[in-house]
Amino acid sequence: MDECTSCSPTTYLFGTSCLAECPQFYLPDSKNVCYKASQLTLPFISQAVTVLIVGLVLLSKAIDRLTKGFTAFLALESVAMVLFWIYMLIFLIMDKHTASATIVSVALLGNYTVNYLWYEFYNDRLKKHDKLY
């Protein structure tokens, strides 16, 4: 029985066999060796977004009493985006994709900066009693 230790550039090493593609839940690395992907999967983030949307619908009446709907939507959408970036960061770190994790970290920092600037702008408008906000 043949046992492979490496494969041609068009196939992937899985254990001691060369395959046309990695099995389900496995990903190829830069040397075309299949490794087990992290257990965090897309259903987690879709469930989190669904819970956020249901929460938004349930809280919409209370939010409208406190502020304009568009501003509330932006704030809640930002929460969903931050949760998504954190999910991606965890997934990338668990799979040892450090370069991609660095990019996601920069995106998280950028998102935080934009949110902080928006918060300061919004706060300033509230202090001036701007009816648009």
Protein backbone atom coordinates (compact mmCIF):
# COMPACT_ATOMS: atom_id res chain seq x y z
CA MET A 1 0.00 0.00 0.00
CA ASP A 2 1.36 3.43 -1.01
CA GLU A 3 1.84 6.02 1.71
CA CYS A 4 2.46 9.56 0.50
CA THR A 5 4.59 12.13 2.29
CA SER A 6 4.04 14.84 -0.34
CA CYS A 7 1.77 15.38 -3.33
CA SER A 8 1.81 17.06 -6.73
CA PRO A 9 0.89 20.78 -6.78
CA THR A 10 -2.65 19.95 -7.97
CA THR A 11 -3.50 17.54 -5.11
CA TYR A 12 -3.65 17.75 -1.32
CA LEU A 13 -1.96 15.58 1.29
CA PHE A 14 -4.44 14.16 3.79
CA GLY A 15 -2.79 11.83 6.26
CA THR A 16 -0.77 9.59 3.94
CA SER A 17 -2.97 9.98 0.85
CA CYS A 18 -3.09 12.49 -2.00
CA LEU A 19 -6.60 13.77 -2.69
CA ALA A 20 -8.12 16.05 -5.34
CA GLU A 21 -9.47 18.25 -2.51
CA CYS A 22 -9.41 18.34 1.26
CA PRO A 23 -12.28 16.56 3.04
CA GLN A 24 -15.09 18.51 4.68
CA PHE A 25 -13.96 20.55 7.72
CA TYR A 26 -10.35 20.50 6.49
CA LEU A 27 -8.46 23.29 4.73
CA PRO A 28 -5.21 23.23 2.74
CA ASP A 29 -2.17 25.08 4.03
CA SER A 30 0.52 26.72 1.86
CA LYS A 31 2.16 23.30 1.24
CA ASN A 32 -1.14 21.68 0.15
CA VAL A 33 -1.42 19.68 3.38
CA CYS A 34 -4.96 19.35 4.74
CA TYR A 35 -5.44 20.43 8.34
CA LYS A 36 -8.55 20.44 10.52
CA ALA A 37 -10.33 23.80 10.50
CA SER A 38 -11.52 25.36 13.74
CA GLN A 39 -14.91 24.32 15.01
CA LEU A 40 -16.37 27.85 14.88
CA THR A 41 -18.52 27.97 11.78
CA LEU A 42 -20.82 30.35 9.94
CA PRO A 43 -24.02 29.23 11.75
CA PHE A 44 -22.69 30.86 14.93
CA ILE A 45 -22.47 34.31 13.36
CA SER A 46 -25.80 33.94 11.54
CA GLN A 47 -27.48 33.03 14.84
CA ALA A 48 -25.90 36.05 16.53
CA VAL A 49 -27.11 38.36 13.76
CA THR A 50 -30.61 36.85 13.93
CA VAL A 51 -30.74 37.47 17.69
CA LEU A 52 -29.58 41.05 17.11
CA ILE A 53 -32.26 41.68 14.46
CA VAL A 54 -35.00 40.24 16.68
CA GLY A 55 -33.73 42.42 19.53
CA LEU A 56 -33.77 45.45 17.26
CA VAL A 57 -37.37 44.81 16.30
CA LEU A 58 -38.43 44.31 19.92
CA LEU A 59 -36.60 47.43 21.10
CA SER A 60 -37.51 49.68 18.17
CA LYS A 61 -40.40 51.39 19.95
CA ALA A 62 -38.29 52.26 23.00
CA ILE A 63 -35.41 53.39 20.80
CA ASP A 64 -37.66 55.67 18.75
CA ARG A 65 -38.72 57.45 21.93
CA LEU A 66 -35.09 58.17 22.81
CA THR A 67 -33.58 59.09 19.46
CA LYS A 68 -34.18 59.05 15.73
CA GLY A 69 -34.50 55.62 14.13
CA PHE A 70 -31.61 56.05 11.69
CA THR A 71 -29.13 56.85 14.43
CA ALA A 72 -30.32 53.87 16.48
CA PHE A 73 -29.99 51.62 13.43
CA LEU A 74 -26.40 52.81 12.88
CA ALA A 75 -25.51 52.08 16.48
CA LEU A 76 -27.00 48.58 16.45
CA GLU A 77 -25.53 47.79 13.05
CA SER A 78 -22.16 48.81 14.40
CA VAL A 79 -22.56 46.33 17.26
CA ALA A 80 -23.28 43.57 14.74
CA MET A 81 -20.22 44.56 12.72
CA VAL A 82 -17.95 44.52 15.78
CA LEU A 83 -19.27 41.08 16.75
CA PHE A 84 -18.55 39.85 13.24
CA TRP A 85 -14.97 41.22 13.29
CA ILE A 86 -14.37 39.63 16.70
CA TYR A 87 -15.72 36.31 15.40
CA MET A 88 -13.41 36.51 12.38
CA LEU A 89 -10.43 37.40 14.59
CA ILE A 90 -11.02 34.39 16.86
CA PHE A 91 -11.43 32.09 13.87
CA LEU A 92 -8.22 33.34 12.24
CA ILE A 93 -6.19 33.12 15.44
CA MET A 94 -7.41 29.57 16.10
CA ASP A 95 -6.35 28.54 12.58
CA LYS A 96 -3.01 30.36 12.96
CA HIS A 97 -3.61 32.83 10.11
CA THR A 98 -1.60 35.60 11.75
CA ALA A 99 -1.37 37.91 8.73
CA SER A 100 -5.14 37.87 8.24
CA ALA A 101 -5.69 38.21 11.99
CA THR A 102 -3.52 41.34 11.91
CA ILE A 103 -5.66 42.81 9.12
CA VAL A 104 -8.85 42.06 11.06
CA SER A 105 -7.31 43.65 14.17
CA VAL A 106 -6.64 46.81 12.16
CA ALA A 107 -10.24 46.72 10.90
CA LEU A 108 -11.48 46.41 14.49
CA LEU A 109 -9.35 49.38 15.54
CA GLY A 110 -10.64 51.39 12.56
CA ASN A 111 -14.22 50.48 13.41
CA TYR A 112 -13.67 51.57 17.02
CA THR A 113 -12.16 54.88 15.85
CA VAL A 114 -15.07 55.63 13.51
CA ASN A 115 -17.56 54.73 16.26
CA TYR A 116 -15.80 57.00 18.73
CA LEU A 117 -15.79 59.90 16.25
CA TRP A 118 -19.48 59.30 15.52
CA TYR A 119 -20.23 59.24 19.25
CA GLU A 120 -18.44 62.58 19.76
CA PHE A 121 -20.28 64.12 16.79
CA TYR A 122 -23.62 62.80 18.03
CA ASN A 123 -22.97 63.98 21.58
CA ASP A 124 -22.08 67.46 20.31
CA ARG A 125 -25.32 67.62 18.31
CA LEU A 126 -27.36 66.53 21.33
CA LYS A 127 -25.77 69.26 23.47
CA LYS A 128 -26.75 71.82 20.81
CA HIS A 129 -30.32 70.42 20.74
CA ASP A 130 -30.12 69.64 17.03
CA LYS A 131 -33.54 68.24 16.09
CA LEU A 132 -32.11 66.05 13.33
CA TYR A 133 -30.34 63.89 15.88
